[in-house]
């Protein structure tokens, strides 16, 4: 083991050390992959029903430990209690979903072309890739690791998980719950920073990453250099387009929660609000809705906006608000750190934001959003598309024709009408365009495309 350690502190109480563990050095990572690769031979060879049963049992274990996991999530990453409860419920559902997905057809048959004998069997079969290296963030400390690990395990891969250091306690507890129902070596956790992440990329047979765009593109390049598949879910600069016919108060209430819930620390959080036409009523309603959001202790059931995860994250939000007037914008509410223990920032709305301003173009992972004006739906679409990201866009309108027209022109991977940008369905494909995603989609049936490879097999009669 390395002398280095991984220390996780609660963002609402920086004196609260949640856990301190040794970081995995080169030797520990090598050992984990050696064990995982050996275990993969047996795990891939087990009947799909065995893997399905193991995942079903793991779901039961997570469900039984739900209260403990919720408390740990709240404490370690500052997620508000209600959202932490929903995340654990989602994690259970993910495991159960992929337990059944393990029993899906594992290939197809095709008619053999002449001159093959008509009795010839031409088929494709899907096989696991081997050892899946998973690199996951802190903001969804159980859902993201499991929406990667569950399909990987269901299709016969083994897993080495490198979680964020800020969420190592949750990952360690999840590993304890899962490994009780899996063979030795099938699911392992290695803690550490960038060096541990690189060690995972250097040894995995496939790498799935969630994090920043900058790091994700580096992961993709390193994986390409090794000739292994990579799947990278990265940043977002998500817009909510509000058309003139939408109810400003109703739209503002939804957008406020999407932008500021969990202190805006979701890749799907609303960062830009594009008001078509006179947006003054919408801006006023949005400021009022944001100021009404309860900010405080994430263990309090009423809290919507808890702390941000680290001191640099807090400073990024404050700095973004400070710079906004220099771009011609105005801080309508918030913009400063709160004078209380913990890493709290006032939920911030910046209006009169030019589309080319830094705050409109670059992701700030925190409780801040800008309001941009557009003269038409066409201009709103152009503004929404005019960023390096393409994860999710929401459109607010009661006009079905307008909704369909706008949705057809947006270049984001997910489009939601009269819905918050935040929130995803675990059984539907998840992913974005441009700088938001690299590689195939995650979740649902789409996960099979990444965690398996297709082999085409031709079987002819012994006696033509």
Protein backbone atom coordinates (compact mmCIF):
# COMPACT_ATOMS: atom_id res chain seq x y z
CA UNK A 1 0.00 0.00 0.00
CA UNK A 2 1.00 3.58 -0.65
CA UNK A 3 1.70 5.91 2.23
CA UNK A 4 -0.79 8.30 0.60
CA UNK A 5 -4.28 8.43 2.02
CA UNK A 6 -7.76 9.24 0.76
CA UNK A 7 -9.61 11.54 3.14
CA UNK A 8 -13.30 12.33 2.79
CA UNK A 9 -14.74 15.26 4.76
CA UNK A 10 -18.36 16.26 5.12
CA UNK A 11 -19.08 19.47 3.14
CA UNK A 12 -21.49 20.74 5.79
CA UNK A 13 -18.94 20.21 8.57
CA UNK A 14 -15.32 20.26 7.40
CA UNK A 15 -14.17 19.00 10.80
CA UNK A 16 -16.14 15.78 10.25
CA UNK A 17 -13.77 13.25 8.66
CA UNK A 18 -16.12 10.65 7.21
CA UNK A 19 -13.36 8.20 6.40
CA UNK A 20 -9.63 8.08 5.82
CA UNK A 21 -8.23 5.15 3.85
CA UNK A 22 -4.92 4.22 2.24
CA UNK A 23 -4.77 5.15 -1.44
CA UNK A 24 -4.29 2.30 -3.88
CA UNK A 25 -0.79 2.44 -5.32
CA UNK A 26 0.48 0.79 -8.51
CA UNK A 27 0.94 -2.55 -6.79
CA UNK A 28 -2.57 -2.57 -5.31
CA UNK A 29 -4.13 -1.67 -8.67
CA UNK A 30 -2.15 -4.36 -10.44
CA UNK A 31 -3.26 -6.91 -7.86
CA UNK A 32 -6.91 -5.86 -8.20
CA UNK A 33 -6.85 -6.36 -11.95
CA UNK A 34 -5.03 -9.66 -11.72
CA UNK A 35 -7.70 -10.90 -9.33
CA UNK A 36 -10.51 -9.47 -11.46
CA UNK A 37 -9.17 -11.02 -14.66
CA UNK A 38 -8.92 -14.43 -13.04
CA UNK A 39 -12.42 -14.09 -11.59
CA UNK A 40 -13.76 -13.05 -15.00
CA UNK A 41 -13.09 -16.49 -16.43
CA UNK A 42 -15.51 -18.12 -14.01
CA UNK A 43 -18.03 -15.27 -13.83
CA UNK A 44 -18.45 -15.04 -17.61
CA UNK A 45 -18.90 -18.79 -17.76
CA UNK A 46 -21.72 -18.87 -15.23
CA UNK A 47 -25.26 -19.20 -16.48
CA UNK A 48 -27.07 -15.89 -16.93
CA UNK A 49 -29.61 -16.96 -14.31
CA UNK A 50 -26.82 -17.18 -11.74
CA UNK A 51 -25.72 -13.63 -12.49
CA UNK A 52 -29.34 -12.47 -12.40
CA UNK A 53 -29.87 -14.07 -9.01
CA UNK A 54 -26.71 -12.45 -7.62
CA UNK A 55 -27.83 -9.00 -8.74
CA UNK A 56 -31.31 -9.56 -7.34
CA UNK A 57 -29.81 -10.52 -3.99
CA UNK A 58 -27.53 -7.46 -4.13
CA UNK A 59 -30.59 -5.27 -4.73
CA UNK A 60 -32.20 -6.75 -1.64
CA UNK A 61 -29.08 -6.04 0.42
CA UNK A 62 -28.97 -2.39 -0.73
CA UNK A 63 -32.68 -2.00 -0.01
CA UNK A 64 -32.25 -3.45 3.47
CA UNK A 65 -29.39 -1.02 4.16
CA UNK A 66 -31.27 1.95 2.66
CA UNK A 67 -31.48 4.07 5.81
CA UNK A 68 -27.80 3.60 6.55
CA UNK A 69 -26.84 4.46 2.96
CA UNK A 70 -29.05 7.56 2.91
CA UNK A 71 -27.44 8.86 6.09
CA UNK A 72 -23.97 8.19 4.69
CA UNK A 73 -24.74 9.96 1.40
CA UNK A 74 -26.10 12.99 3.25
CA UNK A 75 -23.06 13.11 5.50
CA UNK A 76 -20.37 12.46 2.91
CA UNK A 77 -21.50 14.49 -0.13
CA UNK A 78 -24.06 16.86 1.39
CA UNK A 79 -26.96 15.62 -0.73
CA UNK A 80 -30.31 16.78 0.67
CA UNK A 81 -32.15 14.01 2.50
CA UNK A 82 -35.05 13.68 0.06
CA UNK A 83 -32.71 13.42 -2.93
CA UNK A 84 -30.50 10.91 -1.11
CA UNK A 85 -33.55 8.74 -0.46
CA UNK A 86 -34.52 8.88 -4.12
CA UNK A 87 -30.99 7.97 -5.17
CA UNK A 88 -30.90 4.85 -3.01
CA UNK A 89 -34.30 3.80 -4.35
CA UNK A 90 -33.00 4.29 -7.88
CA UNK A 91 -29.93 2.19 -7.08
CA UNK A 92 -32.13 -0.71 -5.96
CA UNK A 93 -34.20 -0.42 -9.13
CA UNK A 94 -31.07 -0.33 -11.30
CA UNK A 95 -29.82 -3.59 -9.82
CA UNK A 96 -33.21 -5.26 -10.28
CA UNK A 97 -33.55 -4.00 -13.83
CA UNK A 98 -30.17 -5.37 -14.89
CA UNK A 99 -30.78 -8.63 -13.06
CA UNK A 100 -33.56 -9.17 -15.61
CA UNK A 101 -31.51 -7.74 -18.49
CA UNK A 102 -29.01 -10.53 -17.89
CA UNK A 103 -31.67 -12.87 -19.30
CA UNK A 104 -32.23 -10.91 -22.51
CA UNK A 105 -31.34 -12.57 -25.85
CA UNK A 106 -27.56 -12.63 -26.24
CA UNK A 107 -27.52 -12.62 -30.04
CA UNK A 108 -29.41 -12.98 -33.30
CA UNK A 109 -29.64 -15.40 -36.22
CA UNK A 110 -29.45 -14.48 -39.91
CA UNK A 111 -30.23 -16.36 -43.12
CA UNK A 112 -27.02 -17.72 -44.61
CA UNK A 113 -26.32 -16.47 -48.12
CA UNK A 114 -25.56 -18.76 -51.09
CA UNK A 115 -23.52 -20.77 -51.77
CA UNK A 116 -23.85 -21.86 -48.12
CA UNK A 117 -25.91 -24.96 -47.42
CA UNK A 118 -29.47 -23.94 -46.47
CA UNK A 119 -29.00 -25.70 -43.15
CA UNK A 120 -26.08 -23.39 -42.26
CA UNK A 121 -26.57 -21.41 -39.06
CA UNK A 122 -25.33 -17.81 -39.21
CA UNK A 123 -25.57 -16.06 -35.88
CA UNK A 124 -24.15 -13.36 -33.67
CA UNK A 125 -23.39 -13.83 -30.00
CA UNK A 126 -22.55 -11.19 -27.43
CA UNK A 127 -19.70 -11.79 -25.02
CA UNK A 128 -18.41 -9.79 -22.05
CA UNK A 129 -15.36 -7.65 -22.64
CA UNK A 130 -13.49 -8.83 -19.53
CA UNK A 131 -12.63 -6.40 -16.73
CA UNK A 132 -14.55 -3.12 -16.75
CA UNK A 133 -12.72 -0.19 -15.19
CA UNK A 134 -15.20 2.32 -13.78
CA UNK A 135 -14.22 5.86 -12.78
CA UNK A 136 -17.07 7.65 -11.04
CA UNK A 137 -17.80 11.07 -9.47
CA UNK A 138 -19.02 12.05 -6.03
CA UNK A 139 -22.36 13.69 -6.84
CA UNK A 140 -24.32 10.45 -7.32
CA UNK A 141 -22.18 8.21 -5.11
CA UNK A 142 -24.33 5.08 -5.40
CA UNK A 143 -26.45 5.53 -8.53
CA UNK A 144 -23.63 6.21 -11.01
CA UNK A 145 -21.34 3.39 -9.82
CA UNK A 146 -24.28 0.99 -10.01
CA UNK A 147 -25.67 2.12 -13.34
CA UNK A 148 -22.23 1.25 -14.69
CA UNK A 149 -21.48 -1.83 -12.58
CA UNK A 150 -24.90 -3.51 -12.77
CA UNK A 151 -24.92 -4.00 -16.57
CA UNK A 152 -21.22 -4.82 -16.58
CA UNK A 153 -21.83 -7.62 -14.08
CA UNK A 154 -25.08 -8.75 -15.69
CA UNK A 155 -23.34 -9.42 -19.00
CA UNK A 156 -20.47 -11.35 -17.41
CA UNK A 157 -17.75 -8.75 -16.84
CA UNK A 158 -15.91 -8.22 -13.60
CA UNK A 159 -15.51 -4.69 -12.21
CA UNK A 160 -12.78 -2.54 -10.70
CA UNK A 161 -14.31 0.71 -9.45
CA UNK A 162 -12.29 3.88 -8.82
CA UNK A 163 -14.72 6.24 -7.08
CA UNK A 164 -14.18 9.90 -6.31
CA UNK A 165 -12.19 10.47 -3.13
CA UNK A 166 -15.06 12.65 -1.91
CA UNK A 167 -17.38 9.62 -2.04
CA UNK A 168 -15.08 6.79 -1.00
CA UNK A 169 -17.06 5.91 2.14
CA UNK A 170 -20.26 5.28 0.17
CA UNK A 171 -18.39 3.26 -2.46
CA UNK A 172 -16.72 1.12 0.18
CA UNK A 173 -20.04 0.35 1.86
CA UNK A 174 -21.68 -0.48 -1.48
CA UNK A 175 -18.82 -2.86 -2.23
CA UNK A 176 -19.37 -4.62 1.10
CA UNK A 177 -23.06 -5.09 0.29
CA UNK A 178 -22.46 -6.36 -3.24
CA UNK A 179 -19.49 -8.64 -2.63
CA UNK A 180 -21.50 -10.63 -0.10
CA UNK A 181 -23.47 -11.95 -3.08
CA UNK A 182 -20.70 -12.18 -5.69
CA UNK A 183 -17.72 -14.50 -6.13
CA UNK A 184 -14.37 -13.24 -4.87
CA UNK A 185 -12.73 -10.68 -7.14
CA UNK A 186 -15.80 -9.92 -9.25
CA UNK A 187 -16.33 -6.45 -7.77
CA UNK A 188 -13.48 -4.44 -6.25
CA UNK A 189 -12.88 -0.82 -5.21
CA UNK A 190 -9.56 1.01 -5.49
CA UNK A 191 -9.36 4.44 -3.85
CA UNK A 192 -7.10 7.26 -4.87
CA UNK A 193 -6.65 10.25 -7.14
CA UNK A 194 -5.49 10.77 -10.70
CA UNK A 195 -2.69 8.22 -10.55
CA UNK A 196 -5.10 5.52 -9.45
CA UNK A 197 -7.43 6.49 -12.29
CA UNK A 198 -4.62 6.19 -14.81
CA UNK A 199 -3.68 2.79 -13.41
CA UNK A 200 -7.28 1.67 -14.01
CA UNK A 201 -7.21 2.90 -17.62
CA UNK A 202 -3.88 1.16 -18.23
CA UNK A 203 -5.27 -2.24 -17.19
CA UNK A 204 -8.99 -2.36 -17.98
CA UNK A 205 -10.55 -4.06 -21.00
CA UNK A 206 -13.14 -1.26 -21.18
CA UNK A 207 -13.35 2.05 -19.31
CA UNK A 208 -16.49 3.93 -18.31
CA UNK A 209 -15.95 7.41 -16.90
CA UNK A 210 -18.18 10.16 -15.53
CA UNK A 211 -16.69 13.55 -14.69
CA UNK A 212 -15.44 16.73 -16.29
CA UNK A 213 -15.06 17.17 -20.05
CA UNK A 214 -11.36 17.94 -19.76
CA UNK A 215 -10.58 14.74 -17.87
CA UNK A 216 -13.06 12.68 -19.89
CA UNK A 217 -11.43 13.52 -23.20
CA UNK A 218 -8.06 12.58 -21.73
CA UNK A 219 -9.54 9.25 -20.60
CA UNK A 220 -10.90 8.67 -24.11
CA UNK A 221 -7.52 9.38 -25.71
CA UNK A 222 -5.64 7.12 -23.31
CA UNK A 223 -8.13 4.32 -23.90
CA UNK A 224 -7.85 4.79 -27.67
CA UNK A 225 -4.10 4.55 -27.36
CA UNK A 226 -4.56 1.11 -25.81
CA UNK A 227 -7.21 0.09 -28.32
CA UNK A 228 -9.92 -0.45 -25.70
CA UNK A 229 -13.47 0.96 -25.75
CA UNK A 230 -14.23 4.02 -23.67
CA UNK A 231 -17.49 5.58 -22.56
CA UNK A 232 -17.22 9.07 -21.11
CA UNK A 233 -20.08 11.10 -19.68
CA UNK A 234 -18.87 14.61 -19.10
CA UNK A 235 -20.04 18.17 -18.62
CA UNK A 236 -23.18 20.08 -19.49
CA UNK A 237 -24.29 23.66 -20.03
CA UNK A 238 -27.97 22.86 -20.10
CA UNK A 239 -30.62 25.29 -21.23
CA UNK A 240 -34.27 25.69 -20.37
CA UNK A 241 -36.04 27.45 -23.24
CA UNK A 242 -39.22 29.23 -22.18
CA UNK A 243 -41.52 30.09 -25.11
CA UNK A 244 -43.89 33.10 -24.86
CA UNK A 245 -47.02 31.01 -24.26
CA UNK A 246 -45.58 29.23 -21.21
CA UNK A 247 -46.81 30.10 -17.71
CA UNK A 248 -43.85 32.07 -16.27
CA UNK A 249 -44.54 31.16 -12.64
CA UNK A 250 -44.99 27.45 -13.35
CA UNK A 251 -41.88 27.30 -15.54
CA UNK A 252 -39.84 29.27 -13.01
CA UNK A 253 -40.71 26.90 -10.20
CA UNK A 254 -39.54 23.87 -12.20
CA UNK A 255 -36.41 25.61 -13.44
CA UNK A 256 -35.45 26.85 -9.97
CA UNK A 257 -35.40 23.30 -8.64
CA UNK A 258 -33.49 22.02 -11.67
CA UNK A 259 -30.87 24.76 -11.40
CA UNK A 260 -30.39 24.90 -7.64
CA UNK A 261 -31.43 21.52 -6.21
CA UNK A 262 -28.46 19.76 -4.58
CA UNK A 263 -26.66 23.10 -4.99
CA UNK A 264 -26.68 22.69 -8.78
CA UNK A 265 -24.22 19.82 -8.58
CA UNK A 266 -25.66 17.66 -11.36
CA UNK A 267 -24.43 17.36 -14.92
CA UNK A 268 -28.09 17.80 -15.91
CA UNK A 269 -28.70 20.96 -13.83
CA UNK A 270 -30.07 23.99 -15.66
CA UNK A 271 -27.27 26.49 -16.26
CA UNK A 272 -29.00 28.80 -18.78
CA UNK A 273 -32.58 30.04 -18.95
CA UNK A 274 -33.44 31.31 -22.44
CA UNK A 275 -36.50 33.55 -22.37
CA UNK A 276 -38.17 34.07 -25.75
CA UNK A 277 -39.73 37.53 -26.03
CA UNK A 278 -40.16 39.78 -23.01
CA UNK A 279 -38.52 37.77 -20.24
CA UNK A 280 -39.00 40.25 -17.40
CA UNK A 281 -41.96 38.40 -15.89
CA UNK A 282 -40.08 35.09 -16.12
CA UNK A 283 -36.97 36.60 -14.53
CA UNK A 284 -38.96 38.04 -11.65
CA UNK A 285 -40.72 34.70 -11.12
CA UNK A 286 -37.42 32.82 -11.29
CA UNK A 287 -35.73 35.08 -8.73
CA UNK A 288 -38.72 34.68 -6.40
CA UNK A 289 -38.72 30.89 -6.85
CA UNK A 290 -34.98 30.64 -6.20
CA UNK A 291 -35.11 32.86 -3.12
CA UNK A 292 -37.89 30.65 -1.73
CA UNK A 293 -35.80 27.48 -1.89
CA UNK A 294 -34.77 26.27 1.59
CA UNK A 295 -30.99 26.39 2.03
CA UNK A 296 -29.40 24.55 4.92
CA UNK A 297 -28.53 21.29 6.62
CA UNK A 298 -28.93 18.48 4.05
CA UNK A 299 -30.14 16.18 6.83
CA UNK A 300 -33.22 18.39 7.18
CA UNK A 301 -36.09 16.99 5.12
CA UNK A 302 -37.13 20.50 4.01
CA UNK A 303 -33.71 21.42 2.55
CA UNK A 304 -33.44 21.74 -1.22
CA UNK A 305 -30.06 23.50 -1.47
CA UNK A 306 -27.28 22.05 0.65
CA UNK A 307 -23.54 22.76 0.58
CA UNK A 308 -21.21 22.50 -2.38
CA UNK A 309 -18.67 19.71 -2.18
CA UNK A 310 -15.32 21.53 -1.72
CA UNK A 311 -13.79 24.94 -1.07
CA UNK A 312 -12.72 25.33 -4.75
CA UNK A 313 -16.28 24.55 -5.85
CA UNK A 314 -17.59 27.30 -3.58
CA UNK A 315 -14.99 29.73 -4.87
CA UNK A 316 -15.89 28.95 -8.51
CA UNK A 317 -19.50 29.99 -7.96
CA UNK A 318 -18.58 33.20 -6.16
CA UNK A 319 -16.01 34.09 -8.81
CA UNK A 320 -18.48 33.42 -11.65
CA UNK A 321 -20.97 35.81 -10.05
CA UNK A 322 -18.26 38.42 -9.46
CA UNK A 323 -17.19 38.34 -13.12
CA UNK A 324 -20.72 38.50 -14.56
CA UNK A 325 -21.13 42.32 -14.46
CA UNK A 326 -17.97 42.62 -16.53
CA UNK A 327 -19.82 40.81 -19.31
CA UNK A 328 -22.75 43.21 -19.10
CA UNK A 329 -24.89 40.98 -16.87
CA UNK A 330 -26.47 41.66 -13.49
CA UNK A 331 -26.57 39.51 -10.36
CA UNK A 332 -30.30 39.41 -9.64
CA UNK A 333 -30.00 37.35 -6.46
CA UNK A 334 -27.29 35.51 -4.54
CA UNK A 335 -23.69 35.60 -5.66
CA UNK A 336 -21.88 35.14 -2.35
CA UNK A 337 -20.82 32.49 0.11
CA UNK A 338 -23.07 32.25 3.14
CA UNK A 339 -21.69 33.20 6.53
CA UNK A 340 -22.28 29.91 8.29
CA UNK A 341 -20.32 26.72 8.96
CA UNK A 342 -19.95 24.49 5.93
CA UNK A 343 -19.56 25.17 2.23
CA UNK A 344 -22.79 27.02 1.50
CA UNK A 345 -23.35 29.45 -1.37
CA UNK A 346 -26.45 31.57 -1.91
CA UNK A 347 -28.40 30.27 -4.95
CA UNK A 348 -27.56 32.75 -7.69
CA UNK A 349 -29.44 34.09 -10.71
CA UNK A 350 -27.62 36.31 -13.20
CA UNK A 351 -29.84 38.08 -15.75
CA UNK A 352 -29.14 40.12 -18.90
CA UNK A 353 -26.48 37.52 -19.68
CA UNK A 354 -25.03 37.71 -23.21
CA UNK A 355 -24.94 34.29 -24.94
CA UNK A 356 -21.19 34.61 -25.47
CA UNK A 357 -20.39 35.44 -21.82
CA UNK A 358 -18.14 33.06 -19.96
CA UNK A 359 -20.93 32.05 -17.56
CA UNK A 360 -23.10 31.16 -20.56
CA UNK A 361 -20.37 29.12 -22.26
CA UNK A 362 -18.53 27.28 -19.48
CA UNK A 363 -19.90 24.95 -16.84
CA UNK A 364 -19.84 26.10 -13.24
CA UNK A 365 -20.75 23.11 -11.09
CA UNK A 366 -22.80 24.89 -8.47
CA UNK A 367 -25.98 26.84 -7.67
CA UNK A 368 -25.79 29.52 -10.38
CA UNK A 369 -27.74 30.07 -13.59
CA UNK A 370 -27.98 32.86 -16.14
CA UNK A 371 -31.01 34.31 -17.92
CA UNK A 372 -30.55 35.04 -21.64
CA UNK A 373 -33.04 36.83 -23.90
CA UNK A 374 -34.01 35.61 -27.37
CA UNK A 375 -36.24 37.34 -29.92
CA UNK A 376 -37.61 34.13 -31.41
CA UNK A 377 -37.72 30.38 -30.95
CA UNK A 378 -35.18 30.05 -33.77
CA UNK A 379 -32.76 32.35 -31.97
CA UNK A 380 -33.34 30.44 -28.69
CA UNK A 381 -32.40 27.19 -30.43
CA UNK A 382 -29.25 28.80 -31.84
CA UNK A 383 -28.29 30.08 -28.38
CA UNK A 384 -28.99 26.69 -26.80
CA UNK A 385 -26.87 24.93 -29.42
CA UNK A 386 -24.09 27.54 -29.32
CA UNK A 387 -22.03 25.96 -26.54
CA UNK A 388 -19.39 23.19 -26.52
CA UNK A 389 -21.77 20.86 -24.67
CA UNK A 390 -24.90 18.95 -25.65
CA UNK A 391 -26.37 17.01 -22.76
CA UNK A 392 -29.98 18.06 -22.14
CA UNK A 393 -32.40 20.88 -22.98
CA UNK A 394 -35.85 21.61 -21.61
CA UNK A 395 -38.57 23.41 -23.54
CA UNK A 396 -41.51 25.04 -21.77
CA UNK A 397 -44.62 25.58 -23.86
CA UNK A 398 -48.24 24.54 -24.21
CA UNK A 399 -47.97 24.52 -28.01
CA UNK A 400 -47.33 20.99 -29.26
CA UNK A 401 -46.31 22.14 -32.75
CA UNK A 402 -43.79 24.58 -31.29
CA UNK A 403 -42.44 21.93 -28.92
CA UNK A 404 -41.93 19.46 -31.77
CA UNK A 405 -40.31 22.08 -33.99
CA UNK A 406 -37.86 23.22 -31.33
CA UNK A 407 -37.10 19.68 -30.18
CA UNK A 408 -36.24 18.69 -33.74
CA UNK A 409 -33.57 21.38 -33.98
CA UNK A 410 -31.78 20.92 -30.65
CA UNK A 411 -28.43 19.11 -30.66
CA UNK A 412 -28.56 17.69 -27.17
CA UNK A 413 -28.75 14.00 -26.36
CA UNK A 414 -31.86 14.47 -24.21
CA UNK A 415 -34.77 16.83 -24.78
CA UNK A 416 -37.50 17.35 -22.18
CA UNK A 417 -40.73 19.27 -22.67
CA UNK A 418 -42.29 20.97 -19.64
CA UNK A 419 -39.89 18.96 -17.49
CA UNK A 420 -36.74 19.89 -15.55
CA UNK A 421 -33.40 19.32 -17.25
CA UNK A 422 -32.36 17.32 -14.17
CA UNK A 423 -33.53 13.78 -13.68
CA UNK A 424 -33.04 10.70 -15.85
CA UNK A 425 -34.80 7.37 -16.28
CA UNK A 426 -32.58 4.39 -15.49
CA UNK A 427 -34.24 2.25 -18.18
CA UNK A 428 -33.77 4.77 -21.02
CA UNK A 429 -30.57 5.70 -22.91
CA UNK A 430 -28.58 8.45 -21.21
CA UNK A 431 -25.95 10.61 -22.86
CA UNK A 432 -25.20 13.76 -24.81
CA UNK A 433 -23.53 15.23 -27.86
CA UNK A 434 -20.36 17.24 -28.47
CA UNK A 435 -18.32 17.80 -25.30
CA UNK A 436 -20.89 16.12 -23.07
CA UNK A 437 -20.34 12.50 -24.11
CA UNK A 438 -17.95 10.17 -25.86
CA UNK A 439 -18.81 6.63 -26.85
CA UNK A 440 -22.12 4.76 -26.64
CA UNK A 441 -25.02 5.68 -24.38
CA UNK A 442 -25.38 4.53 -20.79
CA UNK A 443 -28.30 2.90 -18.96
CA UNK A 444 -31.20 0.75 -20.09
CA UNK A 445 -30.77 -1.65 -22.97
CA UNK A 446 -28.16 0.70 -24.43
CA UNK A 447 -25.67 -0.43 -21.78
CA UNK A 448 -25.26 -3.78 -23.53
CA UNK A 449 -23.59 -2.08 -26.50
CA UNK A 450 -20.68 -1.01 -24.33
CA UNK A 451 -20.22 -3.93 -21.94
CA UNK A 452 -20.32 -6.65 -24.61
CA UNK A 453 -18.73 -7.24 -27.99
CA UNK A 454 -20.40 -9.03 -30.90
CA UNK A 455 -18.99 -12.22 -32.40
CA UNK A 456 -20.36 -13.55 -35.69
CA UNK A 457 -20.44 -17.34 -35.86
CA UNK A 458 -21.18 -19.56 -38.86
CA UNK A 459 -22.01 -23.23 -38.29
CA UNK A 460 -22.34 -25.47 -41.33
CA UNK A 461 -23.41 -29.13 -41.56
CA UNK A 462 -20.62 -31.71 -41.26
CA UNK A 463 -21.87 -33.45 -44.40
CA UNK A 464 -22.95 -31.01 -47.13
